[in-house]
Amino acid sequence: MPDNTIETERLILRPHRAEDFDDLAAMWAEPEVTRFIGGRPSTAEESWARLLRYGGLWGLLGFGYWAVRERATGRFVGDVGFADFHRGLGFDGVPEAGWVLAPWSHGRGLAGEAVRAALGWVDAQGWTRSVCIIDPDNTPSLRLGGACGYREVNRMTYKDHPVILMERLKG
């Protein structure tokens, strides 16, 4: 598998490794992190399954999620990347963007830096469309999606919760 590491001014994005588990599990156990994503903190077992899923995405699809770390300190920032979860919402087969950052990193512009880097990577792979779904009450994520070129295309329900489907077209 090729090295899919991305470096930005302040961040390193690289595919997850087993040693990311403790940081990933700690982040996903935070109620602030899961407030708009499932509504409850993840157990260690659920975080382990997430880490395994992240690894599988790269091998099966050629894209996936990156573990995001600060360049200067190595501190875990969060998860950013793309998946195809076959949600049955009409966009299977299209990279679905997602971003989740540790609470300590909020408000520092790191999410925008990481998401823009990931979008640059997916664009370079030849994808001309990506989507994301965001809880309508998640104002910061909606703002970030808009700033990164995503536009609302539909409102729908996923697992009994309202979501906004956003789409980004390259070029």
N, C-alpha and C. Protein backbone atom coordinates (compact mmCIF):
# COMPACT_ATOMS: atom_id res chain seq x y z
N MET A 1 0.85 -1.17 0.00
CA MET A 1 0.00 0.00 0.00
C MET A 1 0.89 1.24 0.00
N PRO A 2 0.59 2.23 -0.84
CA PRO A 2 1.43 3.44 -0.90
C PRO A 2 1.33 4.25 0.40
N ASP A 3 2.32 5.07 0.62
CA ASP A 3 2.32 5.96 1.77
C ASP A 3 1.37 7.12 1.47
N ASN A 4 0.30 7.20 2.20
CA ASN A 4 -0.70 8.25 2.00
C ASN A 4 -0.61 9.32 3.07
N THR A 5 0.60 9.62 3.50
CA THR A 5 0.81 10.65 4.51
C THR A 5 0.75 12.02 3.86
N ILE A 6 0.10 12.95 4.54
CA ILE A 6 -0.02 14.33 4.09
C ILE A 6 0.54 15.21 5.20
N GLU A 7 1.35 16.18 4.82
CA GLU A 7 1.85 17.15 5.80
C GLU A 7 1.37 18.54 5.42
N THR A 8 0.90 19.27 6.41
CA THR A 8 0.51 20.66 6.23
C THR A 8 1.42 21.50 7.11
N GLU A 9 1.14 22.76 7.18
CA GLU A 9 1.97 23.65 8.00
C GLU A 9 2.04 23.19 9.45
N ARG A 10 0.89 22.77 10.00
CA ARG A 10 0.85 22.41 11.43
C ARG A 10 0.53 20.96 11.71
N LEU A 11 0.18 20.18 10.68
CA LEU A 11 -0.37 18.85 10.90
C LEU A 11 0.32 17.77 10.07
N ILE A 12 0.22 16.56 10.57
CA ILE A 12 0.56 15.35 9.81
C ILE A 12 -0.69 14.49 9.79
N LEU A 13 -1.12 14.10 8.61
CA LEU A 13 -2.24 13.18 8.43
C LEU A 13 -1.64 11.89 7.88
N ARG A 14 -1.90 10.79 8.55
CA ARG A 14 -1.41 9.50 8.08
C ARG A 14 -2.44 8.43 8.42
N PRO A 15 -2.49 7.35 7.65
CA PRO A 15 -3.42 6.28 7.99
C PRO A 15 -3.18 5.81 9.43
N HIS A 16 -4.27 5.44 10.09
CA HIS A 16 -4.20 5.01 11.48
C HIS A 16 -3.32 3.77 11.64
N ARG A 17 -2.75 3.68 12.83
CA ARG A 17 -1.97 2.51 13.25
C ARG A 17 -2.54 2.01 14.58
N ALA A 18 -2.18 0.80 14.94
CA ALA A 18 -2.67 0.24 16.21
C ALA A 18 -2.30 1.13 17.39
N GLU A 19 -1.14 1.77 17.33
CA GLU A 19 -0.72 2.62 18.46
C GLU A 19 -1.54 3.90 18.59
N ASP A 20 -2.43 4.18 17.66
CA ASP A 20 -3.34 5.32 17.77
C ASP A 20 -4.55 5.01 18.64
N PHE A 21 -4.71 3.74 19.02
CA PHE A 21 -5.94 3.33 19.69
C PHE A 21 -6.25 4.12 20.95
N ASP A 22 -5.30 4.27 21.85
CA ASP A 22 -5.60 4.95 23.12
C ASP A 22 -6.08 6.38 22.88
N ASP A 23 -5.42 7.10 21.98
CA ASP A 23 -5.83 8.47 21.69
C ASP A 23 -7.20 8.51 21.02
N LEU A 24 -7.42 7.63 20.08
CA LEU A 24 -8.69 7.56 19.38
C LEU A 24 -9.82 7.22 20.36
N ALA A 25 -9.60 6.22 21.21
CA ALA A 25 -10.62 5.81 22.17
C ALA A 25 -10.93 6.93 23.16
N ALA A 26 -9.92 7.64 23.60
CA ALA A 26 -10.14 8.75 24.53
C ALA A 26 -10.98 9.84 23.87
N MET A 27 -10.68 10.16 22.62
CA MET A 27 -11.44 11.19 21.92
C MET A 27 -12.90 10.78 21.76
N TRP A 28 -13.13 9.55 21.27
CA TRP A 28 -14.49 9.09 21.01
C TRP A 28 -15.28 8.82 22.30
N ALA A 29 -14.63 8.80 23.45
CA ALA A 29 -15.32 8.65 24.73
C ALA A 29 -15.82 9.99 25.27
N GLU A 30 -15.45 11.08 24.62
CA GLU A 30 -15.84 12.43 25.05
C GLU A 30 -17.27 12.74 24.61
N PRO A 31 -18.16 13.07 25.55
CA PRO A 31 -19.53 13.44 25.16
C PRO A 31 -19.58 14.62 24.18
N GLU A 32 -18.66 15.56 24.29
CA GLU A 32 -18.63 16.70 23.37
C GLU A 32 -18.36 16.25 21.94
N VAL A 33 -17.58 15.20 21.78
CA VAL A 33 -17.23 14.68 20.45
C VAL A 33 -18.42 13.96 19.82
N THR A 34 -19.14 13.20 20.60
CA THR A 34 -20.21 12.35 20.05
C THR A 34 -21.59 12.99 20.12
N ARG A 35 -21.66 14.19 20.61
CA ARG A 35 -22.96 14.87 20.76
C ARG A 35 -23.78 14.83 19.47
N PHE A 36 -23.14 15.09 18.33
CA PHE A 36 -23.84 15.11 17.05
C PHE A 36 -23.55 13.86 16.20
N ILE A 37 -22.81 12.92 16.76
CA ILE A 37 -22.47 11.69 16.03
C ILE A 37 -22.88 10.52 16.89
N GLY A 38 -24.11 10.11 16.76
CA GLY A 38 -24.61 8.98 17.53
C GLY A 38 -25.19 9.35 18.88
N GLY A 39 -24.79 10.50 19.42
CA GLY A 39 -25.39 11.00 20.64
C GLY A 39 -24.89 10.42 21.95
N ARG A 40 -23.95 9.50 21.89
CA ARG A 40 -23.41 8.95 23.14
C ARG A 40 -21.94 8.59 22.94
N PRO A 41 -21.16 8.69 24.02
CA PRO A 41 -19.74 8.32 23.91
C PRO A 41 -19.56 6.86 23.48
N SER A 42 -18.47 6.60 22.78
CA SER A 42 -18.15 5.24 22.33
C SER A 42 -17.42 4.48 23.43
N THR A 43 -17.70 3.19 23.50
CA THR A 43 -16.94 2.32 24.40
C THR A 43 -15.58 2.03 23.77
N ALA A 44 -14.69 1.47 24.56
CA ALA A 44 -13.38 1.08 24.02
C ALA A 44 -13.56 0.05 22.90
N GLU A 45 -14.49 -0.88 23.07
CA GLU A 45 -14.74 -1.89 22.05
C GLU A 45 -15.21 -1.24 20.74
N GLU A 46 -16.10 -0.27 20.83
CA GLU A 46 -16.59 0.43 19.64
C GLU A 46 -15.46 1.22 18.97
N SER A 47 -14.60 1.81 19.77
CA SER A 47 -13.47 2.55 19.20
C SER A 47 -12.48 1.60 18.53
N TRP A 48 -12.27 0.43 19.10
CA TRP A 48 -11.40 -0.55 18.47
C TRP A 48 -11.97 -0.97 17.11
N ALA A 49 -13.30 -1.21 17.06
CA ALA A 49 -13.94 -1.59 15.80
C ALA A 49 -13.79 -0.45 14.79
N ARG A 50 -13.89 0.78 15.25
CA ARG A 50 -13.71 1.94 14.37
C ARG A 50 -12.29 1.95 13.80
N LEU A 51 -11.31 1.73 14.64
CA LEU A 51 -9.92 1.71 14.19
C LEU A 51 -9.70 0.61 13.14
N LEU A 52 -10.28 -0.56 13.37
CA LEU A 52 -10.17 -1.65 12.39
C LEU A 52 -10.85 -1.28 11.08
N ARG A 53 -12.01 -0.64 11.18
CA ARG A 53 -12.73 -0.19 9.98
C ARG A 53 -11.89 0.82 9.20
N TYR A 54 -11.26 1.75 9.91
CA TYR A 54 -10.40 2.73 9.25
C TYR A 54 -9.30 2.04 8.45
N GLY A 55 -8.68 1.04 9.04
CA GLY A 55 -7.63 0.31 8.34
C GLY A 55 -8.15 -0.42 7.11
N GLY A 56 -9.34 -0.99 7.23
CA GLY A 56 -9.94 -1.72 6.12
C GLY A 56 -10.32 -0.84 4.94
N LEU A 57 -10.70 0.40 5.22
CA LEU A 57 -11.08 1.30 4.13
C LEU A 57 -9.95 1.46 3.12
N TRP A 58 -8.75 1.69 3.62
CA TRP A 58 -7.61 1.91 2.73
C TRP A 58 -7.37 0.70 1.83
N GLY A 59 -7.40 -0.49 2.41
CA GLY A 59 -7.13 -1.69 1.65
C GLY A 59 -8.20 -2.02 0.63
N LEU A 60 -9.46 -1.76 0.97
CA LEU A 60 -10.56 -2.11 0.07
C LEU A 60 -10.91 -1.02 -0.93
N LEU A 61 -10.80 0.24 -0.52
CA LEU A 61 -11.29 1.33 -1.36
C LEU A 61 -10.20 2.24 -1.92
N GLY A 62 -9.00 2.18 -1.34
CA GLY A 62 -7.94 3.07 -1.78
C GLY A 62 -8.03 4.46 -1.19
N PHE A 63 -8.97 4.67 -0.30
CA PHE A 63 -9.07 5.90 0.48
C PHE A 63 -9.59 5.54 1.86
N GLY A 64 -9.47 6.46 2.78
CA GLY A 64 -9.91 6.18 4.14
C GLY A 64 -9.73 7.38 5.04
N TYR A 65 -9.62 7.09 6.32
CA TYR A 65 -9.42 8.13 7.33
C TYR A 65 -7.96 8.20 7.74
N TRP A 66 -7.56 9.41 8.05
CA TRP A 66 -6.22 9.65 8.57
C TRP A 66 -6.29 9.96 10.05
N ALA A 67 -5.28 9.52 10.78
CA ALA A 67 -5.05 10.02 12.13
C ALA A 67 -4.35 11.36 11.95
N VAL A 68 -4.87 12.38 12.57
CA VAL A 68 -4.31 13.72 12.44
C VAL A 68 -3.55 14.05 13.72
N ARG A 69 -2.30 14.46 13.54
CA ARG A 69 -1.46 14.82 14.69
C ARG A 69 -0.79 16.16 14.43
N GLU A 70 -0.52 16.87 15.51
CA GLU A 70 0.24 18.12 15.40
C GLU A 70 1.67 17.78 15.00
N ARG A 71 2.21 18.52 14.08
CA ARG A 71 3.60 18.31 13.66
C ARG A 71 4.56 18.62 14.80
N ALA A 72 4.33 19.72 15.49
CA ALA A 72 5.29 20.19 16.50
C ALA A 72 5.35 19.27 17.72
N THR A 73 4.22 18.69 18.11
CA THR A 73 4.17 17.94 19.37
C THR A 73 3.84 16.46 19.20
N GLY A 74 3.25 16.08 18.07
CA GLY A 74 2.78 14.71 17.89
C GLY A 74 1.45 14.45 18.56
N ARG A 75 0.86 15.46 19.17
CA ARG A 75 -0.40 15.30 19.90
C ARG A 75 -1.52 14.94 18.93
N PHE A 76 -2.35 13.99 19.34
CA PHE A 76 -3.46 13.52 18.53
C PHE A 76 -4.52 14.61 18.42
N VAL A 77 -4.87 14.96 17.18
CA VAL A 77 -5.86 15.99 16.91
C VAL A 77 -7.23 15.36 16.61
N GLY A 78 -7.24 14.27 15.84
CA GLY A 78 -8.51 13.64 15.51
C GLY A 78 -8.44 12.77 14.28
N ASP A 79 -9.62 12.52 13.72
CA ASP A 79 -9.79 11.67 12.54
C ASP A 79 -10.41 12.50 11.42
N VAL A 80 -9.82 12.44 10.24
CA VAL A 80 -10.34 13.15 9.07
C VAL A 80 -10.15 12.23 7.88
N GLY A 81 -11.14 12.18 7.01
CA GLY A 81 -10.96 11.37 5.81
C GLY A 81 -12.24 11.06 5.08
N PHE A 82 -12.23 9.92 4.41
CA PHE A 82 -13.31 9.52 3.52
C PHE A 82 -13.64 8.05 3.73
N ALA A 83 -14.91 7.73 3.51
CA ALA A 83 -15.36 6.35 3.62
C ALA A 83 -16.47 6.12 2.60
N ASP A 84 -16.86 4.89 2.48
CA ASP A 84 -18.08 4.52 1.78
C ASP A 84 -18.74 3.48 2.68
N PHE A 85 -19.65 3.95 3.53
CA PHE A 85 -20.27 3.09 4.54
C PHE A 85 -21.53 2.38 4.04
N HIS A 86 -21.87 2.56 2.77
CA HIS A 86 -23.08 1.93 2.20
C HIS A 86 -24.29 2.19 3.09
N ARG A 87 -24.54 3.46 3.35
CA ARG A 87 -25.62 3.87 4.23
C ARG A 87 -27.01 3.70 3.58
N GLY A 88 -27.04 3.52 2.26
CA GLY A 88 -28.33 3.40 1.58
C GLY A 88 -29.07 4.72 1.46
N LEU A 89 -28.33 5.82 1.42
CA LEU A 89 -28.94 7.14 1.34
C LEU A 89 -28.83 7.75 -0.05
N GLY A 90 -28.40 6.94 -1.04
CA GLY A 90 -28.35 7.42 -2.41
C GLY A 90 -26.99 7.88 -2.88
N PHE A 91 -25.95 7.70 -2.05
CA PHE A 91 -24.63 8.13 -2.50
C PHE A 91 -23.56 7.05 -2.28
N ASP A 92 -23.97 5.80 -2.20
CA ASP A 92 -22.99 4.72 -2.10
C ASP A 92 -22.06 4.77 -3.31
N GLY A 93 -20.78 4.48 -3.08
CA GLY A 93 -19.80 4.51 -4.15
C GLY A 93 -19.11 5.85 -4.30
N VAL A 94 -19.51 6.84 -3.52
CA VAL A 94 -18.93 8.18 -3.55
C VAL A 94 -18.19 8.40 -2.23
N PRO A 95 -16.98 8.96 -2.26
CA PRO A 95 -16.30 9.22 -0.99
C PRO A 95 -17.13 10.14 -0.09
N GLU A 96 -17.38 9.67 1.11
CA GLU A 96 -18.10 10.45 2.11
C GLU A 96 -17.09 11.02 3.10
N ALA A 97 -16.99 12.33 3.11
CA ALA A 97 -16.03 12.99 4.00
C ALA A 97 -16.54 13.00 5.43
N GLY A 98 -15.58 12.96 6.35
CA GLY A 98 -15.91 13.07 7.76
C GLY A 98 -14.75 13.67 8.52
N TRP A 99 -15.06 14.34 9.61
CA TRP A 99 -14.03 14.94 10.45
C TRP A 99 -14.51 14.94 11.88
N VAL A 100 -13.62 14.54 12.76
CA VAL A 100 -13.89 14.51 14.20
C VAL A 100 -12.60 14.93 14.88
N LEU A 101 -12.67 15.98 15.68
CA LEU A 101 -11.47 16.49 16.34
C LEU A 101 -11.63 16.49 17.85
N ALA A 102 -10.54 16.26 18.54
CA ALA A 102 -10.53 16.29 20.00
C ALA A 102 -10.91 17.68 20.49
N PRO A 103 -11.66 17.76 21.58
CA PRO A 103 -12.11 19.07 22.07
C PRO A 103 -10.99 20.09 22.29
N TRP A 104 -9.81 19.65 22.71
CA TRP A 104 -8.73 20.60 22.97
C TRP A 104 -8.34 21.38 21.72
N SER A 105 -8.62 20.80 20.53
CA SER A 105 -8.17 21.42 19.28
C SER A 105 -9.21 22.34 18.64
N HIS A 106 -10.41 22.38 19.19
CA HIS A 106 -11.47 23.18 18.59
C HIS A 106 -11.11 24.67 18.62
N GLY A 107 -11.53 25.38 17.58
CA GLY A 107 -11.35 26.82 17.52
C GLY A 107 -9.97 27.29 17.14
N ARG A 108 -9.12 26.39 16.67
CA ARG A 108 -7.75 26.75 16.31
C ARG A 108 -7.48 26.68 14.81
N GLY A 109 -8.52 26.39 14.02
CA GLY A 109 -8.35 26.29 12.58
C GLY A 109 -7.76 24.97 12.11
N LEU A 110 -7.58 24.02 13.02
CA LEU A 110 -6.96 22.75 12.65
C LEU A 110 -7.90 21.89 11.80
N ALA A 111 -9.20 21.94 12.09
CA ALA A 111 -10.15 21.16 11.30
C ALA A 111 -10.12 21.60 9.84
N GLY A 112 -10.17 22.90 9.61
CA GLY A 112 -10.13 23.40 8.24
C GLY A 112 -8.84 23.02 7.54
N GLU A 113 -7.72 23.11 8.24
CA GLU A 113 -6.43 22.76 7.66
C GLU A 113 -6.40 21.28 7.27
N ALA A 114 -6.91 20.42 8.16
CA ALA A 114 -6.91 18.98 7.89
C ALA A 114 -7.88 18.61 6.78
N VAL A 115 -9.09 19.17 6.83
CA VAL A 115 -10.09 18.82 5.81
C VAL A 115 -9.64 19.31 4.43
N ARG A 116 -9.10 20.49 4.35
CA ARG A 116 -8.62 20.99 3.05
C ARG A 116 -7.50 20.11 2.50
N ALA A 117 -6.62 19.65 3.37
CA ALA A 117 -5.55 18.76 2.93
C ALA A 117 -6.13 17.44 2.41
N ALA A 118 -7.10 16.90 3.12
CA ALA A 118 -7.74 15.65 2.69
C ALA A 118 -8.46 15.84 1.36
N LEU A 119 -9.14 16.97 1.20
CA LEU A 119 -9.83 17.24 -0.07
C LEU A 119 -8.84 17.40 -1.22
N GLY A 120 -7.71 18.02 -0.97
CA GLY A 120 -6.68 18.12 -2.00
C GLY A 120 -6.21 16.74 -2.43
N TRP A 121 -6.06 15.85 -1.46
CA TRP A 121 -5.63 14.49 -1.75
C TRP A 121 -6.68 13.76 -2.58
N VAL A 122 -7.94 13.81 -2.17
CA VAL A 122 -8.99 13.07 -2.90
C VAL A 122 -9.17 13.65 -4.30
N ASP A 123 -9.04 14.97 -4.44
CA ASP A 123 -9.10 15.58 -5.78
C ASP A 123 -7.98 15.04 -6.67
N ALA A 124 -6.78 14.93 -6.10
CA ALA A 124 -5.63 14.45 -6.86
C ALA A 124 -5.78 12.99 -7.28
N GLN A 125 -6.64 12.25 -6.58
CA GLN A 125 -6.89 10.85 -6.94
C GLN A 125 -7.88 10.72 -8.09
N GLY A 126 -8.45 11.85 -8.53
CA GLY A 126 -9.36 11.83 -9.67
C GLY A 126 -10.84 11.84 -9.30
N TRP A 127 -11.17 11.90 -8.03
CA TRP A 127 -12.57 11.98 -7.65
C TRP A 127 -13.09 13.38 -7.95
N THR A 128 -14.27 13.47 -8.53
CA THR A 128 -14.83 14.78 -8.87
C THR A 128 -16.00 15.15 -7.96
N ARG A 129 -16.38 14.23 -7.07
CA ARG A 129 -17.52 14.48 -6.18
C ARG A 129 -17.25 13.80 -4.84
N SER A 130 -17.61 14.48 -3.77
CA SER A 130 -17.65 13.87 -2.46
C SER A 130 -18.86 14.43 -1.72
N VAL A 131 -19.28 13.73 -0.70
CA VAL A 131 -20.45 14.13 0.07
C VAL A 131 -20.10 14.08 1.56
N CYS A 132 -20.97 14.64 2.36
CA CYS A 132 -20.89 14.45 3.81
C CYS A 132 -22.30 14.60 4.37
N ILE A 133 -22.54 13.99 5.52
CA ILE A 133 -23.82 14.19 6.20
C ILE A 133 -23.51 14.79 7.57
N ILE A 134 -24.31 15.81 7.92
CA ILE A 134 -24.06 16.55 9.16
C ILE A 134 -25.39 16.78 9.87
N ASP A 135 -25.36 16.63 11.18
CA ASP A 135 -26.52 16.93 12.01
C ASP A 135 -26.88 18.40 11.83
N PRO A 136 -28.15 18.73 11.61
CA PRO A 136 -28.52 20.13 11.37
C PRO A 136 -28.20 21.07 12.54
N ASP A 137 -28.01 20.54 13.73
CA ASP A 137 -27.67 21.37 14.89
C ASP A 137 -26.17 21.55 15.07
N ASN A 138 -25.37 20.90 14.24
CA ASN A 138 -23.91 20.97 14.37
C ASN A 138 -23.39 22.16 13.55
N THR A 139 -23.62 23.33 14.08
CA THR A 139 -23.26 24.56 13.38
C THR A 139 -21.79 24.63 13.00
N PRO A 140 -20.84 24.28 13.88
CA PRO A 140 -19.43 24.35 13.47
C PRO A 140 -19.10 23.46 12.28
N SER A 141 -19.65 22.24 12.24
CA SER A 141 -19.37 21.35 11.11
C SER A 141 -20.04 21.84 9.84
N LEU A 142 -21.24 22.37 9.95
CA LEU A 142 -21.90 22.94 8.78
C LEU A 142 -21.10 24.11 8.22
N ARG A 143 -20.58 24.93 9.11
CA ARG A 143 -19.77 26.08 8.69
C ARG A 143 -18.49 25.60 8.00
N LEU A 144 -17.84 24.59 8.59
CA LEU A 144 -16.61 24.05 8.00
C LEU A 144 -16.90 23.43 6.64
N GLY A 145 -17.96 22.64 6.54
CA GLY A 145 -18.32 22.04 5.26
C GLY A 145 -18.52 23.10 4.19
N GLY A 146 -19.25 24.16 4.53
CA GLY A 146 -19.47 25.25 3.58
C GLY A 146 -18.18 25.93 3.18
N ALA A 147 -17.30 26.15 4.15
CA ALA A 147 -16.02 26.81 3.86
C ALA A 147 -15.14 25.95 2.97
N CYS A 148 -15.36 24.63 2.99
CA CYS A 148 -14.56 23.71 2.18
C CYS A 148 -15.23 23.35 0.86
N GLY A 149 -16.32 24.05 0.53
CA GLY A 149 -16.94 23.85 -0.77
C GLY A 149 -18.16 22.95 -0.80
N TYR A 150 -18.59 22.44 0.35
CA TYR A 150 -19.79 21.60 0.39
C TYR A 150 -21.03 22.48 0.41
N ARG A 151 -22.06 22.02 -0.31
CA ARG A 151 -23.33 22.73 -0.37
C ARG A 151 -24.46 21.76 -0.07
N GLU A 152 -25.45 22.25 0.65
CA GLU A 152 -26.59 21.41 1.00
C GLU A 152 -27.34 20.99 -0.26
N VAL A 153 -27.64 19.67 -0.34
CA VAL A 153 -28.41 19.16 -1.46
C VAL A 153 -29.69 18.45 -1.02
N ASN A 154 -29.76 18.07 0.27
CA ASN A 154 -30.95 17.35 0.72
C ASN A 154 -30.97 17.30 2.24
N ARG A 155 -32.17 17.15 2.78
CA ARG A 155 -32.35 16.86 4.20
C ARG A 155 -33.05 15.51 4.28
N MET A 156 -32.57 14.67 5.16
CA MET A 156 -33.10 13.32 5.25
C MET A 156 -32.97 12.82 6.67
N THR A 157 -33.39 11.59 6.88
CA THR A 157 -33.29 10.95 8.19
C THR A 157 -32.36 9.76 8.06
N TYR A 158 -31.44 9.64 9.01
CA TYR A 158 -30.53 8.50 9.06
C TYR A 158 -30.54 7.98 10.49
N LYS A 159 -30.90 6.71 10.65
CA LYS A 159 -30.99 6.07 11.97
C LYS A 159 -31.86 6.93 12.91
N ASP A 160 -33.00 7.32 12.41
CA ASP A 160 -34.00 8.08 13.17
C ASP A 160 -33.54 9.47 13.59
N HIS A 161 -32.49 10.01 12.95
CA HIS A 161 -32.01 11.36 13.26
C HIS A 161 -31.96 12.18 11.97
N PRO A 162 -32.33 13.45 12.05
CA PRO A 162 -32.23 14.30 10.85
C PRO A 162 -30.78 14.57 10.51
N VAL A 163 -30.48 14.60 9.21
CA VAL A 163 -29.15 14.94 8.73
C VAL A 163 -29.29 15.80 7.48
N ILE A 164 -28.26 16.59 7.25
CA ILE A 164 -28.17 17.38 6.03
C ILE A 164 -27.12 16.71 5.14
N LEU A 165 -27.52 16.38 3.92
CA LEU A 165 -26.59 15.84 2.93
C LEU A 165 -25.97 17.02 2.20
N MET A 166 -24.65 17.06 2.20
CA MET A 166 -23.92 18.12 1.50
C MET A 166 -23.06 17.47 0.43
N GLU A 167 -22.82 18.21 -0.63
CA GLU A 167 -22.06 17.70 -1.77
C GLU A 167 -21.01 18.73 -2.17
N ARG A 168 -19.86 18.22 -2.58
CA ARG A 168 -18.78 19.08 -3.10
C ARG A 168 -18.38 18.52 -4.46
N LEU A 169 -18.40 19.38 -5.46
CA LEU A 169 -17.98 19.00 -6.80
C LEU A 169 -16.63 19.67 -7.08
N LYS A 170 -15.71 18.89 -7.60
CA LYS A 170 -14.39 19.43 -7.96
C LYS A 170 -14.53 20.31 -9.19
N GLY A 171 -13.88 21.47 -9.12
CA GLY A 171 -13.84 22.35 -10.28
C GLY A 171 -15.08 23.04 -10.48
